[in-house]
């Protein structure tokens, strides 16, 4: 079974998806970490991040992988911590905007998503990566709340800079940031993580009898 969780930055995707996967005993696939890993590798190799063709080749040559503990690897390196650096964070939207990169990443995401029960979170999972997902959820939240959550995740970045970054990310993601027609939209603004996870778990549990 595939549970697809989409939504903009700061809506709670990663936290909710990770908690849901743990509760259900599913694997967790953080597609954002995949783009971050490629961004890190591009920076390490001095590849201009505006060259989508070269980055697409790099993505295919060095597929991102995850271990059972959720650590992220690319080109033989554990980049779990490195991909959260500010320099990577700021350049991810540039890398993710390249069609050549998205094509390779989506192919890899489908490959990883076919390996048993999995919760996949991202921005176009329910519409492009896994349109056949049994459960699709689209998380939204008030922009101010989203900015606050990002600030908590990135305390080293100023609030004004984060708000600007969030606005730029929304604009960059606009073309692919839309919920699937059959997705359940959940506004997380006034909900706890537990509350969101519980609502999605209900959707999953409702599907399990029909699937197994």
Protein backbone atom coordinates (compact mmCIF):
# COMPACT_ATOMS: atom_id res chain seq x y z
CA UNK A 1 0.00 0.00 0.00
CA UNK A 2 1.14 3.54 -0.76
CA UNK A 3 0.09 6.52 1.34
CA UNK A 4 0.83 9.75 -0.52
CA UNK A 5 1.17 12.94 1.52
CA UNK A 6 1.60 16.20 -0.40
CA UNK A 7 1.61 19.86 0.53
CA UNK A 8 3.70 23.02 0.71
CA UNK A 9 6.76 23.56 2.91
CA UNK A 10 5.83 23.94 6.57
CA UNK A 11 2.49 22.15 6.28
CA UNK A 12 3.84 19.30 8.41
CA UNK A 13 4.45 16.64 5.76
CA UNK A 14 7.73 15.22 7.03
CA UNK A 15 6.80 15.10 10.70
CA UNK A 16 3.39 13.60 10.02
CA UNK A 17 4.62 11.11 7.41
CA UNK A 18 7.42 9.88 9.65
CA UNK A 19 5.09 9.43 12.64
CA UNK A 20 2.42 7.75 10.52
CA UNK A 21 4.89 5.30 8.99
CA UNK A 22 6.18 4.36 12.44
CA UNK A 23 2.68 3.82 13.77
CA UNK A 24 1.61 1.68 10.81
CA UNK A 25 4.89 -0.20 10.47
CA UNK A 26 5.32 1.18 6.92
CA UNK A 27 8.52 2.44 5.32
CA UNK A 28 8.94 6.21 5.10
CA UNK A 29 10.17 7.90 1.91
CA UNK A 30 11.22 11.53 2.20
CA UNK A 31 11.38 12.73 -1.40
CA UNK A 32 12.62 16.14 -0.28
CA UNK A 33 15.73 14.46 1.09
CA UNK A 34 16.37 13.06 -2.36
CA UNK A 35 16.45 16.50 -3.97
CA UNK A 36 18.54 17.76 -1.08
CA UNK A 37 21.03 14.96 -1.58
CA UNK A 38 21.46 15.77 -5.24
CA UNK A 39 21.86 19.45 -4.39
CA UNK A 40 24.59 18.54 -1.87
CA UNK A 41 26.38 16.37 -4.42
CA UNK A 42 26.16 19.06 -7.09
CA UNK A 43 27.68 21.59 -4.69
CA UNK A 44 30.42 19.15 -3.69
CA UNK A 45 31.36 18.60 -7.32
CA UNK A 46 31.15 22.22 -8.31
CA UNK A 47 28.40 21.68 -10.87
CA UNK A 48 26.47 24.87 -11.65
CA UNK A 49 23.01 24.32 -10.20
CA UNK A 50 21.34 26.03 -13.14
CA UNK A 51 22.50 23.26 -15.49
CA UNK A 52 19.59 20.83 -15.39
CA UNK A 53 21.00 18.44 -17.96
CA UNK A 54 24.20 17.85 -15.98
CA UNK A 55 22.29 17.47 -12.73
CA UNK A 56 19.92 14.99 -14.36
CA UNK A 57 22.88 12.87 -15.44
CA UNK A 58 24.33 13.12 -11.93
CA UNK A 59 21.01 12.02 -10.40
CA UNK A 60 20.86 8.97 -12.64
CA UNK A 61 24.49 8.04 -12.05
CA UNK A 62 24.20 8.32 -8.27
CA UNK A 63 20.72 7.24 -7.12
CA UNK A 64 19.72 8.22 -3.60
CA UNK A 65 19.13 5.42 -1.12
CA UNK A 66 17.86 5.05 2.45
CA UNK A 67 18.63 2.50 5.13
CA UNK A 68 16.20 1.01 7.65
CA UNK A 69 17.12 3.70 10.17
CA UNK A 70 16.11 6.44 7.74
CA UNK A 71 19.63 7.61 6.96
CA UNK A 72 20.17 9.07 3.49
CA UNK A 73 23.01 8.07 1.17
CA UNK A 74 24.35 9.29 -2.16
CA UNK A 75 27.62 8.44 -3.88
CA UNK A 76 28.59 6.24 -0.93
CA UNK A 77 28.23 9.07 1.60
CA UNK A 78 25.85 9.33 4.56
CA UNK A 79 24.42 12.80 3.95
CA UNK A 80 21.61 12.68 6.51
CA UNK A 81 22.94 15.70 8.40
CA UNK A 82 24.78 17.45 5.57
CA UNK A 83 21.64 17.94 3.47
CA UNK A 84 20.10 20.08 6.23
CA UNK A 85 22.79 22.74 5.93
CA UNK A 86 21.64 26.25 5.07
CA UNK A 87 23.59 26.33 1.81
CA UNK A 88 21.75 23.20 0.65
CA UNK A 89 18.40 24.38 1.93
CA UNK A 90 18.57 27.57 -0.10
CA UNK A 91 19.51 25.88 -3.36
CA UNK A 92 17.11 22.93 -3.36
CA UNK A 93 14.31 24.85 -5.17
CA UNK A 94 16.73 25.64 -8.00
CA UNK A 95 17.68 21.99 -8.45
CA UNK A 96 14.13 20.65 -8.06
CA UNK A 97 12.85 23.02 -10.74
CA UNK A 98 14.77 21.23 -13.51
CA UNK A 99 12.60 18.84 -15.55
CA UNK A 100 15.63 16.61 -16.19
CA UNK A 101 16.11 16.20 -12.44
CA UNK A 102 12.44 15.60 -11.68
CA UNK A 103 12.18 12.89 -14.32
CA UNK A 104 15.04 10.91 -12.77
CA UNK A 105 13.88 11.49 -9.22
CA UNK A 106 10.31 10.45 -9.93
CA UNK A 107 11.54 7.25 -11.53
CA UNK A 108 13.63 6.51 -8.46
CA UNK A 109 10.74 7.38 -6.14
CA UNK A 110 8.46 4.94 -7.94
CA UNK A 111 11.15 2.28 -7.63
CA UNK A 112 11.52 2.84 -3.89
CA UNK A 113 7.76 3.13 -3.45
CA UNK A 114 7.19 -0.31 -4.95
CA UNK A 115 9.08 -2.00 -2.13
CA UNK A 116 6.23 -2.90 0.22
CA UNK A 117 3.99 -0.65 2.32
CA UNK A 118 5.24 2.92 2.29
CA UNK A 119 4.34 6.48 3.24
CA UNK A 120 5.69 8.90 0.64
CA UNK A 121 5.69 12.64 1.18
CA UNK A 122 6.45 15.39 -1.26
CA UNK A 123 4.80 17.88 -3.58
CA UNK A 124 3.51 15.80 -6.50
CA UNK A 125 3.23 12.29 -5.10
CA UNK A 126 -0.51 11.84 -5.46
CA UNK A 127 -0.66 13.49 -8.87
CA UNK A 128 2.50 12.30 -10.66
CA UNK A 129 4.74 9.90 -8.73
CA UNK A 130 2.06 7.57 -7.39
CA UNK A 131 -1.33 8.49 -8.88
CA UNK A 132 -2.54 5.02 -7.99
CA UNK A 133 -1.82 5.43 -4.27
CA UNK A 134 -4.54 3.90 -2.13
CA UNK A 135 -4.59 6.88 0.25
CA UNK A 136 -3.84 10.45 -0.82
CA UNK A 137 -3.64 13.38 1.55
CA UNK A 138 -2.91 17.04 0.89
CA UNK A 139 -1.82 19.07 3.90
CA UNK A 140 -2.27 22.85 4.07
CA UNK A 141 -1.72 25.44 6.79
CA UNK A 142 -1.82 29.18 7.34
CA UNK A 143 1.34 30.84 5.91
CA UNK A 144 2.26 32.35 9.29
CA UNK A 145 2.04 28.95 10.96
CA UNK A 146 4.10 27.37 8.20
CA UNK A 147 6.77 30.04 8.58
CA UNK A 148 6.83 29.46 12.33
CA UNK A 149 7.34 25.75 11.85
CA UNK A 150 10.17 26.36 9.43
CA UNK A 151 11.73 28.74 11.95
CA UNK A 152 11.64 26.00 14.57
CA UNK A 153 13.37 23.63 12.14
CA UNK A 154 15.93 26.22 11.02
CA UNK A 155 16.64 28.46 14.05
CA UNK A 156 19.90 29.57 12.45
CA UNK A 157 17.97 31.43 9.73
CA UNK A 158 16.26 34.71 10.51
CA UNK A 159 12.46 34.92 10.54
CA UNK A 160 12.31 37.47 7.73
CA UNK A 161 14.63 35.40 5.55
CA UNK A 162 12.53 32.29 6.19
CA UNK A 163 9.30 34.06 5.31
CA UNK A 164 10.84 35.23 2.05
CA UNK A 165 12.20 31.75 1.37
CA UNK A 166 8.77 30.23 1.95
CA UNK A 167 7.17 32.69 -0.47
CA UNK A 168 9.78 31.92 -3.14
CA UNK A 169 9.32 28.18 -2.65
CA UNK A 170 5.57 28.47 -3.04
CA UNK A 171 6.04 30.41 -6.27
CA UNK A 172 8.59 27.89 -7.55
CA UNK A 173 6.35 24.94 -6.66
CA UNK A 174 3.13 26.49 -7.99
CA UNK A 175 3.11 24.46 -11.20
CA UNK A 176 3.20 21.12 -9.36
CA UNK A 177 1.59 22.08 -6.06
CA UNK A 178 -1.95 20.91 -6.51
CA UNK A 179 -3.88 18.19 -4.74
CA UNK A 180 -4.98 15.08 -6.57
CA UNK A 181 -8.68 15.08 -7.37
CA UNK A 182 -9.22 12.21 -4.93
CA UNK A 183 -6.96 13.54 -2.15
CA UNK A 184 -8.24 14.28 1.33
CA UNK A 185 -7.30 17.86 2.21
CA UNK A 186 -6.37 18.46 5.85
CA UNK A 187 -5.73 21.91 7.28
CA UNK A 188 -3.05 21.43 9.95
CA UNK A 189 -3.11 25.03 11.21
CA UNK A 190 -4.91 24.24 14.45
CA UNK A 191 -4.21 20.52 14.67
CA UNK A 192 -1.55 18.71 16.68
CA UNK A 193 0.76 16.23 14.97
CA UNK A 194 -1.09 13.45 16.77
CA UNK A 195 -4.40 14.77 15.49
CA UNK A 196 -3.23 14.82 11.86
CA UNK A 197 -1.65 11.38 12.12
CA UNK A 198 -4.83 9.96 13.65
CA UNK A 199 -6.99 11.33 10.83
CA UNK A 200 -4.76 9.86 8.15
CA UNK A 201 -4.51 6.56 10.00
CA UNK A 202 -8.31 6.31 9.88
CA UNK A 203 -8.17 6.67 6.09
CA UNK A 204 -5.51 3.97 5.85
CA UNK A 205 -7.31 1.56 8.18
CA UNK A 206 -10.48 1.99 6.13
CA UNK A 207 -8.61 0.81 3.03
CA UNK A 208 -6.77 -2.14 4.53
CA UNK A 209 -9.73 -4.61 4.66
CA UNK A 210 -10.39 -4.07 0.96
CA UNK A 211 -6.73 -4.52 0.10
CA UNK A 212 -5.85 -7.55 2.21
